[in-house]
Each structure stands twice: as C-alpha cells, then as structure tokens.
Amino acid sequence: MAARGLLADGFRSCPPPVDNPAMGRLLVLIVLVVAGVWLVRRALRARVAKPDLQPRPEAQGDLVSCARCGMHLPRAEARAAGERLYCSEEHARLGPPPGAQR
C-alpha cells in the first residue's frame, strides 16, 4: 500500500493548481503599467530626438587618398607634396611608405 501523496514509484504528485483570480488581475495590471510607461517614454524620446536629426551638409569636392596611409579625405583638406596628396603635414614630410613606387 502506497503512502498518502506518493505515487507508486515513490515520487510525490504535483500539488493541484491554485485558482487565484486576484493574483491574475494584479499581474495583468503590472504588465499594463509597464507597457504604458514604456510607450510614454518612447513617445517623449521620439519627440525630443526629431529636432536633432538634421541632415549633414554634403562634403564639397571629390575624395582623394593619402599616398602614405590610404585614408580618404576631401581634396580641399589634402596636403600636396610633389605630385602626391597626403592627409597631414607629417605624412607629407615622411613621403610615401617604404617600397612604394615613386
């Protein structure tokens, strides 16, 4: 004969489900409050962020590559040394990297 609450294999059975409608209402209320706060914060953040999204001015002129490091920059900002263009005065002073064709 099996002991009370034990199954034939010695394990206890699961307790019966508890019907607690007040707890269910509380959980639904919490979820609704969290969703409402999230929606309000999202709406406020979108309203504040819109004025900050202004288009950037287009870069004038074409892009050139530095003869030393290969970085691209507008032609107006490039430094010329001989026939080559560089991204900075230092790279213009150093010249092309070792092993580059002149």
PDB file of N, CA and C in Angstrom:
ATOM      1  N   MET A   1       0.836  -1.164   0.000  1.00  0.00           N
ATOM      2  CA  MET A   1       0.000   0.000   0.000  1.00  0.00           C
ATOM      3  C   MET A   1       0.896   1.248   0.000  1.00  0.00           C
ATOM      4  N   ALA A   2       0.606   2.182  -0.898  1.00  0.00           N
ATOM      5  CA  ALA A   2       1.419   3.386  -1.039  1.00  0.00           C
ATOM      6  C   ALA A   2       1.030   4.404   0.018  1.00  0.00           C
ATOM      7  N   ALA A   3       2.019   5.172   0.482  1.00  0.00           N
ATOM      8  CA  ALA A   3       1.760   6.218   1.471  1.00  0.00           C
ATOM      9  C   ALA A   3       0.953   7.338   0.821  1.00  0.00           C
ATOM     10  N   ARG A   4       0.291   8.090   1.661  1.00  0.00           N
ATOM     11  CA  ARG A   4      -0.561   9.150   1.150  1.00  0.00           C
ATOM     12  C   ARG A   4       0.277  10.217   0.422  1.00  0.00           C
ATOM     13  N   GLY A   5      -0.097  10.620  -0.798  1.00  0.00           N
ATOM     14  CA  GLY A   5       0.590  11.639  -1.581  1.00  0.00           C
ATOM     15  C   GLY A   5       1.743  11.107  -2.395  1.00  0.00           C
ATOM     16  N   LEU A   6       2.122   9.871  -2.252  1.00  0.00           N
ATOM     17  CA  LEU A   6       3.216   9.302  -3.027  1.00  0.00           C
ATOM     18  C   LEU A   6       2.656   8.451  -4.151  1.00  0.00           C
ATOM     19  N   LEU A   7       3.309   8.499  -5.275  1.00  0.00           N
ATOM     20  CA  LEU A   7       2.927   7.651  -6.390  1.00  0.00           C
ATOM     21  C   LEU A   7       3.564   6.291  -6.202  1.00  0.00           C
ATOM     22  N   ALA A   8       3.249   5.364  -7.069  1.00  0.00           N
ATOM     23  CA  ALA A   8       3.756   4.002  -6.951  1.00  0.00           C
ATOM     24  C   ALA A   8       5.282   3.962  -7.042  1.00  0.00           C
ATOM     25  N   ASP A   9       5.908   4.910  -7.774  1.00  0.00           N
ATOM     26  CA  ASP A   9       7.356   4.884  -7.916  1.00  0.00           C
ATOM     27  C   ASP A   9       8.073   5.676  -6.826  1.00  0.00           C
ATOM     28  N   GLY A  10       7.362   6.206  -5.818  1.00  0.00           N
ATOM     29  CA  GLY A  10       7.978   6.864  -4.690  1.00  0.00           C
ATOM     30  C   GLY A  10       8.055   8.377  -4.810  1.00  0.00           C
ATOM     31  N   PHE A  11       7.644   8.954  -5.933  1.00  0.00           N
ATOM     32  CA  PHE A  11       7.685  10.395  -6.114  1.00  0.00           C
ATOM     33  C   PHE A  11       6.351  11.004  -5.704  1.00  0.00           C
ATOM     34  N   ARG A  12       6.416  12.221  -5.205  1.00  0.00           N
ATOM     35  CA  ARG A  12       5.185  12.910  -4.814  1.00  0.00           C
ATOM     36  C   ARG A  12       4.482  13.445  -6.061  1.00  0.00           C
ATOM     37  N   SER A  13       3.197  13.495  -5.998  1.00  0.00           N
ATOM     38  CA  SER A  13       2.436  14.058  -7.111  1.00  0.00           C
ATOM     39  C   SER A  13       2.487  15.579  -7.020  1.00  0.00           C
ATOM     40  N   CYS A  14       2.240  16.243  -8.134  1.00  0.00           N
ATOM     41  CA  CYS A  14       2.218  17.704  -8.163  1.00  0.00           C
ATOM     42  C   CYS A  14       1.019  18.203  -7.382  1.00  0.00           C
ATOM     43  N   PRO A  15       1.166  19.333  -6.717  1.00  0.00           N
ATOM     44  CA  PRO A  15       0.011  19.878  -5.992  1.00  0.00           C
ATOM     45  C   PRO A  15      -1.045  20.339  -6.996  1.00  0.00           C
ATOM     46  N   PRO A  16      -2.263  20.353  -6.592  1.00  0.00           N
ATOM     47  CA  PRO A  16      -3.307  20.790  -7.517  1.00  0.00           C
ATOM     48  C   PRO A  16      -3.126  22.270  -7.844  1.00  0.00           C
ATOM     49  N   PRO A  17      -3.527  22.697  -9.057  1.00  0.00           N
ATOM     50  CA  PRO A  17      -3.372  24.104  -9.423  1.00  0.00           C
ATOM     51  C   PRO A  17      -4.227  24.988  -8.521  1.00  0.00           C
ATOM     52  N   VAL A  18      -3.702  26.155  -8.214  1.00  0.00           N
ATOM     53  CA  VAL A  18      -4.395  27.083  -7.335  1.00  0.00           C
ATOM     54  C   VAL A  18      -5.107  28.113  -8.204  1.00  0.00           C
ATOM     55  N   ASP A  19      -6.367  28.312  -7.966  1.00  0.00           N
ATOM     56  CA  ASP A  19      -7.140  29.302  -8.702  1.00  0.00           C
ATOM     57  C   ASP A  19      -7.188  30.567  -7.864  1.00  0.00           C
ATOM     58  N   ASN A  20      -6.418  31.588  -8.288  1.00  0.00           N
ATOM     59  CA  ASN A  20      -6.336  32.832  -7.527  1.00  0.00           C
ATOM     60  C   ASN A  20      -6.569  33.994  -8.489  1.00  0.00           C
ATOM     61  N   PRO A  21      -7.807  34.388  -8.724  1.00  0.00           N
ATOM     62  CA  PRO A  21      -8.082  35.449  -9.701  1.00  0.00           C
ATOM     63  C   PRO A  21      -7.492  36.796  -9.303  1.00  0.00           C
ATOM     64  N   ALA A  22      -7.343  37.077  -8.030  1.00  0.00           N
ATOM     65  CA  ALA A  22      -6.774  38.361  -7.613  1.00  0.00           C
ATOM     66  C   ALA A  22      -5.320  38.473  -8.060  1.00  0.00           C
ATOM     67  N   MET A  23      -4.562  37.408  -7.983  1.00  0.00           N
ATOM     68  CA  MET A  23      -3.166  37.423  -8.410  1.00  0.00           C
ATOM     69  C   MET A  23      -3.089  37.614  -9.925  1.00  0.00           C
ATOM     70  N   GLY A  24      -3.983  36.994 -10.663  1.00  0.00           N
ATOM     71  CA  GLY A  24      -4.009  37.172 -12.115  1.00  0.00           C
ATOM     72  C   GLY A  24      -4.291  38.614 -12.489  1.00  0.00           C
ATOM     73  N   ARG A  25      -5.231  39.241 -11.810  1.00  0.00           N
ATOM     74  CA  ARG A  25      -5.535  40.645 -12.079  1.00  0.00           C
ATOM     75  C   ARG A  25      -4.341  41.538 -11.745  1.00  0.00           C
ATOM     76  N   LEU A  26      -3.670  41.234 -10.660  1.00  0.00           N
ATOM     77  CA  LEU A  26      -2.502  42.016 -10.273  1.00  0.00           C
ATOM     78  C   LEU A  26      -1.397  41.910 -11.331  1.00  0.00           C
ATOM     79  N   LEU A  27      -1.146  40.719 -11.832  1.00  0.00           N
ATOM     80  CA  LEU A  27      -0.121  40.541 -12.861  1.00  0.00           C
ATOM     81  C   LEU A  27      -0.487  41.281 -14.143  1.00  0.00           C
ATOM     82  N   VAL A  28      -1.755  41.224 -14.551  1.00  0.00           N
ATOM     83  CA  VAL A  28      -2.193  41.946 -15.746  1.00  0.00           C
ATOM     84  C   VAL A  28      -2.038  43.448 -15.531  1.00  0.00           C
ATOM     85  N   LEU A  29      -2.372  43.943 -14.352  1.00  0.00           N
ATOM     86  CA  LEU A  29      -2.230  45.365 -14.050  1.00  0.00           C
ATOM     87  C   LEU A  29      -0.764  45.794 -14.119  1.00  0.00           C
ATOM     88  N   ILE A  30       0.128  44.990 -13.581  1.00  0.00           N
ATOM     89  CA  ILE A  30       1.564  45.304 -13.622  1.00  0.00           C
ATOM     90  C   ILE A  30       2.055  45.356 -15.063  1.00  0.00           C
ATOM     91  N   VAL A  31       1.655  44.394 -15.876  1.00  0.00           N
ATOM     92  CA  VAL A  31       2.074  44.365 -17.283  1.00  0.00           C
ATOM     93  C   VAL A  31       1.546  45.606 -18.010  1.00  0.00           C
ATOM     94  N   LEU A  32       0.300  45.993 -17.757  1.00  0.00           N
ATOM     95  CA  LEU A  32      -0.270  47.172 -18.407  1.00  0.00           C
ATOM     96  C   LEU A  32       0.451  48.451 -17.987  1.00  0.00           C
ATOM     97  N   VAL A  33       0.805  48.574 -16.714  1.00  0.00           N
ATOM     98  CA  VAL A  33       1.523  49.762 -16.247  1.00  0.00           C
ATOM     99  C   VAL A  33       2.907  49.828 -16.887  1.00  0.00           C
ATOM    100  N   VAL A  34       3.612  48.721 -16.928  1.00  0.00           N
ATOM    101  CA  VAL A  34       4.951  48.701 -17.528  1.00  0.00           C
ATOM    102  C   VAL A  34       4.855  49.051 -19.012  1.00  0.00           C
ATOM    103  N   ALA A  35       3.882  48.487 -19.720  1.00  0.00           N
ATOM    104  CA  ALA A  35       3.721  48.792 -21.145  1.00  0.00           C
ATOM    105  C   ALA A  35       3.369  50.266 -21.337  1.00  0.00           C
ATOM    106  N   GLY A  36       2.523  50.832 -20.482  1.00  0.00           N
ATOM    107  CA  GLY A  36       2.167  52.246 -20.591  1.00  0.00           C
ATOM    108  C   GLY A  36       3.351  53.160 -20.366  1.00  0.00           C
ATOM    109  N   VAL A  37       4.154  52.872 -19.367  1.00  0.00           N
ATOM    110  CA  VAL A  37       5.345  53.679 -19.091  1.00  0.00           C
ATOM    111  C   VAL A  37       6.309  53.598 -20.265  1.00  0.00           C
ATOM    112  N   TRP A  38       6.481  52.404 -20.818  1.00  0.00           N
ATOM    113  CA  TRP A  38       7.384  52.222 -21.957  1.00  0.00           C
ATOM    114  C   TRP A  38       6.905  53.037 -23.158  1.00  0.00           C
ATOM    115  N   LEU A  39       5.605  53.007 -23.443  1.00  0.00           N
ATOM    116  CA  LEU A  39       5.067  53.743 -24.581  1.00  0.00           C
ATOM    117  C   LEU A  39       5.206  55.250 -24.388  1.00  0.00           C
ATOM    118  N   VAL A  40       4.953  55.747 -23.181  1.00  0.00           N
ATOM    119  CA  VAL A  40       5.078  57.179 -22.921  1.00  0.00           C
ATOM    120  C   VAL A  40       6.534  57.620 -23.069  1.00  0.00           C
ATOM    121  N   ARG A  41       7.464  56.864 -22.516  1.00  0.00           N
ATOM    122  CA  ARG A  41       8.884  57.222 -22.624  1.00  0.00           C
ATOM    123  C   ARG A  41       9.342  57.194 -24.079  1.00  0.00           C
ATOM    124  N   ARG A  42       8.869  56.213 -24.831  1.00  0.00           N
ATOM    125  CA  ARG A  42       9.237  56.102 -26.237  1.00  0.00           C
ATOM    126  C   ARG A  42       8.706  57.300 -27.026  1.00  0.00           C
ATOM    127  N   ALA A  43       7.458  57.707 -26.747  1.00  0.00           N
ATOM    128  CA  ALA A  43       6.875  58.855 -27.437  1.00  0.00           C
ATOM    129  C   ALA A  43       7.626  60.144 -27.088  1.00  0.00           C
ATOM    130  N   LEU A  44       7.986  60.327 -25.833  1.00  0.00           N
ATOM    131  CA  LEU A  44       8.716  61.528 -25.425  1.00  0.00           C
ATOM    132  C   LEU A  44      10.112  61.553 -26.030  1.00  0.00           C
ATOM    133  N   ARG A  45      10.760  60.410 -26.060  1.00  0.00           N
ATOM    134  CA  ARG A  45      12.105  60.332 -26.630  1.00  0.00           C
ATOM    135  C   ARG A  45      12.071  60.632 -28.127  1.00  0.00           C
ATOM    136  N   ALA A  46      11.052  60.156 -28.841  1.00  0.00           N
ATOM    137  CA  ALA A  46      10.939  60.399 -30.278  1.00  0.00           C
ATOM    138  C   ALA A  46      10.690  61.884 -30.540  1.00  0.00           C
ATOM    139  N   ARG A  47       9.911  62.535 -29.691  1.00  0.00           N
ATOM    140  CA  ARG A  47       9.614  63.950 -29.875  1.00  0.00           C
ATOM    141  C   ARG A  47      10.870  64.783 -29.671  1.00  0.00           C
ATOM    142  N   VAL A  48      11.693  64.449 -28.702  1.00  0.00           N
ATOM    143  CA  VAL A  48      12.914  65.203 -28.427  1.00  0.00           C
ATOM    144  C   VAL A  48      13.963  64.929 -29.495  1.00  0.00           C
ATOM    145  N   ALA A  49      14.026  63.719 -30.024  1.00  0.00           N
ATOM    146  CA  ALA A  49      15.072  63.341 -30.967  1.00  0.00           C
ATOM    147  C   ALA A  49      14.843  63.925 -32.357  1.00  0.00           C
ATOM    148  N   LYS A  50      13.630  64.267 -32.722  1.00  0.00           N
ATOM    149  CA  LYS A  50      13.364  64.750 -34.077  1.00  0.00           C
ATOM    150  C   LYS A  50      14.111  66.032 -34.429  1.00  0.00           C
ATOM    151  N   PRO A  51      14.156  67.060 -33.573  1.00  0.00           N
ATOM    152  CA  PRO A  51      14.904  68.269 -33.960  1.00  0.00           C
ATOM    153  C   PRO A  51      16.400  68.016 -34.127  1.00  0.00           C
ATOM    154  N   ASP A  52      16.946  67.036 -33.448  1.00  0.00           N
ATOM    155  CA  ASP A  52      18.378  66.755 -33.538  1.00  0.00           C
ATOM    156  C   ASP A  52      18.759  66.080 -34.854  1.00  0.00           C
ATOM    157  N   LEU A  53      17.796  65.530 -35.555  1.00  0.00           N
ATOM    158  CA  LEU A  53      18.090  64.802 -36.784  1.00  0.00           C
ATOM    159  C   LEU A  53      18.078  65.767 -37.967  1.00  0.00           C
ATOM    160  N   GLN A  54      19.116  66.558 -38.069  1.00  0.00           N
ATOM    161  CA  GLN A  54      19.232  67.477 -39.189  1.00  0.00           C
ATOM    162  C   GLN A  54      20.216  66.883 -40.179  1.00  0.00           C
ATOM    163  N   PRO A  55      19.943  67.021 -41.460  1.00  0.00           N
ATOM    164  CA  PRO A  55      20.856  66.440 -42.451  1.00  0.00           C
ATOM    165  C   PRO A  55      22.220  67.115 -42.394  1.00  0.00           C
ATOM    166  N   ARG A  56      23.238  66.325 -42.545  1.00  0.00           N
ATOM    167  CA  ARG A  56      24.597  66.858 -42.564  1.00  0.00           C
ATOM    168  C   ARG A  56      24.852  67.554 -43.903  1.00  0.00           C
ATOM    169  N   PRO A  57      25.631  68.610 -43.871  1.00  0.00           N
ATOM    170  CA  PRO A  57      25.954  69.258 -45.153  1.00  0.00           C
ATOM    171  C   PRO A  57      26.823  68.321 -45.992  1.00  0.00           C
ATOM    172  N   GLU A  58      26.576  68.344 -47.258  1.00  0.00           N
ATOM    173  CA  GLU A  58      27.340  67.490 -48.170  1.00  0.00           C
ATOM    174  C   GLU A  58      28.795  67.972 -48.252  1.00  0.00           C
ATOM    175  N   ALA A  59      29.709  67.035 -48.341  1.00  0.00           N
ATOM    176  CA  ALA A  59      31.119  67.382 -48.484  1.00  0.00           C
ATOM    177  C   ALA A  59      31.338  67.959 -49.883  1.00  0.00           C
ATOM    178  N   GLN A  60      32.051  69.053 -49.938  1.00  0.00           N
ATOM    179  CA  GLN A  60      32.307  69.695 -51.218  1.00  0.00           C
ATOM    180  C   GLN A  60      33.562  69.091 -51.839  1.00  0.00           C
ATOM    181  N   GLY A  61      33.521  68.833 -53.114  1.00  0.00           N
ATOM    182  CA  GLY A  61      34.675  68.322 -53.831  1.00  0.00           C
ATOM    183  C   GLY A  61      34.780  66.813 -53.768  1.00  0.00           C
ATOM    184  N   ASP A  62      35.717  66.290 -54.517  1.00  0.00           N
ATOM    185  CA  ASP A  62      35.888  64.841 -54.573  1.00  0.00           C
ATOM    186  C   ASP A  62      36.866  64.363 -53.504  1.00  0.00           C
ATOM    187  N   LEU A  63      36.824  63.077 -53.236  1.00  0.00           N
ATOM    188  CA  LEU A  63      37.696  62.484 -52.224  1.00  0.00           C
ATOM    189  C   LEU A  63      38.976  61.991 -52.869  1.00  0.00           C
ATOM    190  N   VAL A  64      40.066  62.158 -52.147  1.00  0.00           N
ATOM    191  CA  VAL A  64      41.367  61.667 -52.602  1.00  0.00           C
ATOM    192  C   VAL A  64      41.944  60.772 -51.519  1.00  0.00           C
ATOM    193  N   SER A  65      42.911  59.985 -51.881  1.00  0.00           N
ATOM    194  CA  SER A  65      43.523  59.036 -50.963  1.00  0.00           C
ATOM    195  C   SER A  65      44.917  59.522 -50.568  1.00  0.00           C
ATOM    196  N   CYS A  66      45.240  59.389 -49.292  1.00  0.00           N
ATOM    197  CA  CYS A  66      46.575  59.759 -48.811  1.00  0.00           C
ATOM    198  C   CYS A  66      47.595  58.793 -49.412  1.00  0.00           C
ATOM    199  N   ALA A  67      48.709  59.335 -49.927  1.00  0.00           N
ATOM    200  CA  ALA A  67      49.729  58.498 -50.553  1.00  0.00           C
ATOM    201  C   ALA A  67      50.477  57.651 -49.531  1.00  0.00           C
ATOM    202  N   ARG A  68      50.417  57.997 -48.250  1.00  0.00           N
ATOM    203  CA  ARG A  68      51.138  57.238 -47.230  1.00  0.00           C
ATOM    204  C   ARG A  68      50.247  56.193 -46.559  1.00  0.00           C
ATOM    205  N   CYS A  69      49.083  56.598 -46.047  1.00  0.00           N
ATOM    206  CA  CYS A  69      48.261  55.665 -45.268  1.00  0.00           C
ATOM    207  C   CYS A  69      47.005  55.192 -46.000  1.00  0.00           C
ATOM    208  N   GLY A  70      46.627  55.850 -47.090  1.00  0.00           N
ATOM    209  CA  GLY A  70      45.466  55.432 -47.856  1.00  0.00           C
ATOM    210  C   GLY A  70      44.141  55.986 -47.368  1.00  0.00           C
ATOM    211  N   MET A  71      44.144  56.834 -46.330  1.00  0.00           N
ATOM    212  CA  MET A  71      42.900  57.395 -45.815  1.00  0.00           C
ATOM    213  C   MET A  71      42.287  58.342 -46.842  1.00  0.00           C
ATOM    214  N   HIS A  72      40.963  58.272 -46.987  1.00  0.00           N
ATOM    215  CA  HIS A  72      40.265  59.147 -47.926  1.00  0.00           C
ATOM    216  C   HIS A  72      39.861  60.439 -47.227  1.00  0.00           C
ATOM    217  N   LEU A  73      40.029  61.565 -47.930  1.00  0.00           N
ATOM    218  CA  LEU A  73      39.668  62.857 -47.395  1.00  0.00           C
ATOM    219  C   LEU A  73      39.332  63.776 -48.557  1.00  0.00           C
ATOM    220  N   PRO A  74      38.594  64.863 -48.281  1.00  0.00           N
ATOM    221  CA  PRO A  74      38.273  65.799 -49.360  1.00  0.00           C
ATOM    222  C   PRO A  74      39.546  66.432 -49.925  1.00  0.00           C
ATOM    223  N   ARG A  75      39.520  66.691 -51.217  1.00  0.00           N
ATOM    224  CA  ARG A  75      40.693  67.269 -51.876  1.00  0.00           C
ATOM    225  C   ARG A  75      41.066  68.613 -51.242  1.00  0.00           C
ATOM    226  N   ALA A  76      40.072  69.373 -50.757  1.00  0.00           N
ATOM    227  CA  ALA A  76      40.346  70.679 -50.160  1.00  0.00           C
ATOM    228  C   ALA A  76      41.157  70.558 -48.865  1.00  0.00           C
ATOM    229  N   GLU A  77      41.081  69.425 -48.174  1.00  0.00           N
ATOM    230  CA  GLU A  77      41.813  69.239 -46.916  1.00  0.00           C
ATOM    231  C   GLU A  77      43.149  68.524 -47.108  1.00  0.00           C
ATOM    232  N   ALA A  78      43.429  68.043 -48.292  1.00  0.00           N
ATOM    233  CA  ALA A  78      44.653  67.270 -48.541  1.00  0.00           C
ATOM    234  C   ALA A  78      45.855  68.202 -48.646  1.00  0.00           C
ATOM    235  N   ARG A  79      47.017  67.697 -48.241  1.00  0.00           N
ATOM    236  CA  ARG A  79      48.277  68.431 -48.348  1.00  0.00           C
ATOM    237  C   ARG A  79      49.032  67.873 -49.553  1.00  0.00           C
ATOM    238  N   ALA A  80      49.523  68.743 -50.405  1.00  0.00           N
ATOM    239  CA  ALA A  80      50.247  68.315 -51.598  1.00  0.00           C
ATOM    240  C   ALA A  80      51.744  68.400 -51.347  1.00  0.00           C
ATOM    241  N   ALA A  81      52.446  67.370 -51.774  1.00  0.00           N
ATOM    242  CA  ALA A  81      53.909  67.368 -51.731  1.00  0.00           C
ATOM    243  C   ALA A  81      54.364  66.699 -53.023  1.00  0.00           C
ATOM    244  N   GLY A  82      54.926  67.496 -53.920  1.00  0.00           N
ATOM    245  CA  GLY A  82      55.264  66.962 -55.237  1.00  0.00           C
ATOM    246  C   GLY A  82      53.968  66.702 -55.995  1.00  0.00           C
ATOM    247  N   GLU A  83      53.856  65.529 -56.567  1.00  0.00           N
ATOM    248  CA  GLU A  83      52.648  65.163 -57.313  1.00  0.00           C
ATOM    249  C   GLU A  83      51.680  64.356 -56.459  1.00  0.00           C
ATOM    250  N   ARG A  84      52.009  64.106 -55.209  1.00  0.00           N
ATOM    251  CA  ARG A  84      51.185  63.255 -54.342  1.00  0.00           C
ATOM    252  C   ARG A  84      50.405  64.082 -53.330  1.00  0.00           C
ATOM    253  N   LEU A  85      49.287  63.495 -52.859  1.00  0.00           N
ATOM    254  CA  LEU A  85      48.444  64.143 -51.862  1.00  0.00           C
ATOM    255  C   LEU A  85      48.503  63.348 -50.562  1.00  0.00           C
ATOM    256  N   TYR A  86      48.529  64.064 -49.431  1.00  0.00           N
ATOM    257  CA  TYR A  86      48.660  63.437 -48.125  1.00  0.00           C
ATOM    258  C   TYR A  86      47.571  63.967 -47.191  1.00  0.00           C
ATOM    259  N   CYS A  87      47.297  63.211 -46.112  1.00  0.00           N
ATOM    260  CA  CYS A  87      46.241  63.585 -45.167  1.00  0.00           C
ATOM    261  C   CYS A  87      46.730  64.568 -44.107  1.00  0.00           C
ATOM    262  N   SER A  88      48.036  64.689 -43.906  1.00  0.00           N
ATOM    263  CA  SER A  88      48.552  65.592 -42.875  1.00  0.00           C
ATOM    264  C   SER A  88      49.934  66.082 -43.273  1.00  0.00           C
ATOM    265  N   GLU A  89      50.363  67.119 -42.559  1.00  0.00           N
ATOM    266  CA  GLU A  89      51.707  67.650 -42.805  1.00  0.00           C
ATOM    267  C   GLU A  89      52.772  66.607 -42.491  1.00  0.00           C
ATOM    268  N   GLU A  90      52.537  65.822 -41.456  1.00  0.00           N
ATOM    269  CA  GLU A  90      53.511  64.799 -41.090  1.00  0.00           C
ATOM    270  C   GLU A  90      53.670  63.748 -42.190  1.00  0.00           C
ATOM    271  N   HIS A  91      52.561  63.288 -42.747  1.00  0.00           N
ATOM    272  CA  HIS A  91      52.660  62.305 -43.823  1.00  0.00           C
ATOM    273  C   HIS A  91      53.292  62.926 -45.070  1.00  0.00           C
ATOM    274  N   ALA A  92      53.031  64.204 -45.312  1.00  0.00           N
ATOM    275  CA  ALA A  92      53.669  64.878 -46.444  1.00  0.00           C
ATOM    276  C   ALA A  92      55.180  64.952 -46.212  1.00  0.00           C
ATOM    277  N   ARG A  93      55.585  65.191 -44.958  1.00  0.00           N
ATOM    278  CA  ARG A  93      57.017  65.249 -44.634  1.00  0.00           C
ATOM    279  C   ARG A  93      57.667  63.881 -44.768  1.00  0.00           C
ATOM    280  N   LEU A  94      56.956  62.821 -44.319  1.00  0.00           N
ATOM    281  CA  LEU A  94      57.512  61.470 -44.389  1.00  0.00           C
ATOM    282  C   LEU A  94      57.542  60.924 -45.807  1.00  0.00           C
ATOM    283  N   GLY A  95      56.633  61.379 -46.650  1.00  0.00           N
ATOM    284  CA  GLY A  95      56.598  60.900 -48.031  1.00  0.00           C
ATOM    285  C   GLY A  95      55.889  59.550 -48.121  1.00  0.00           C
ATOM    286  N   PRO A  96      55.964  58.922 -49.288  1.00  0.00           N
ATOM    287  CA  PRO A  96      55.274  57.641 -49.471  1.00  0.00           C
ATOM    288  C   PRO A  96      55.899  56.558 -48.599  1.00  0.00           C
ATOM    289  N   PRO A  97      55.143  55.511 -48.312  1.00  0.00           N
ATOM    290  CA  PRO A  97      55.684  54.441 -47.467  1.00  0.00           C
ATOM    291  C   PRO A  97      56.844  53.716 -48.151  1.00  0.00           C
ATOM    292  N   PRO A  98      57.727  53.106 -47.373  1.00  0.00           N
ATOM    293  CA  PRO A  98      58.850  52.392 -47.976  1.00  0.00           C
ATOM    294  C   PRO A  98      58.339  51.299 -48.917  1.00  0.00           C
ATOM    295  N   GLY A  99      58.986  51.184 -50.056  1.00  0.00           N
ATOM    296  CA  GLY A  99      58.614  50.161 -51.022  1.00  0.00           C
ATOM    297  C   GLY A  99      57.563  50.620 -52.014  1.00  0.00           C
ATOM    298  N   ALA A 100      57.057  51.833 -51.866  1.00  0.00           N
ATOM    299  CA  ALA A 100      56.068  52.348 -52.816  1.00  0.00           C
ATOM    300  C   ALA A 100      56.785  52.840 -54.058  1.00  0.00           C
ATOM    301  N   GLN A 101      56.133  52.706 -55.193  1.00  0.00           N
ATOM    302  CA  GLN A 101      56.727  53.192 -56.447  1.00  0.00           C
ATOM    303  C   GLN A 101      56.667  54.702 -56.473  1.00  0.00           C
ATOM    304  N   ARG A 102      57.732  55.300 -56.918  1.00  0.00           N
ATOM    305  CA  ARG A 102      57.796  56.774 -56.957  1.00  0.00           C
ATOM    306  C   ARG A 102      57.334  57.279 -58.288  1.00  0.00           C
TER     307      ARG A 102
END
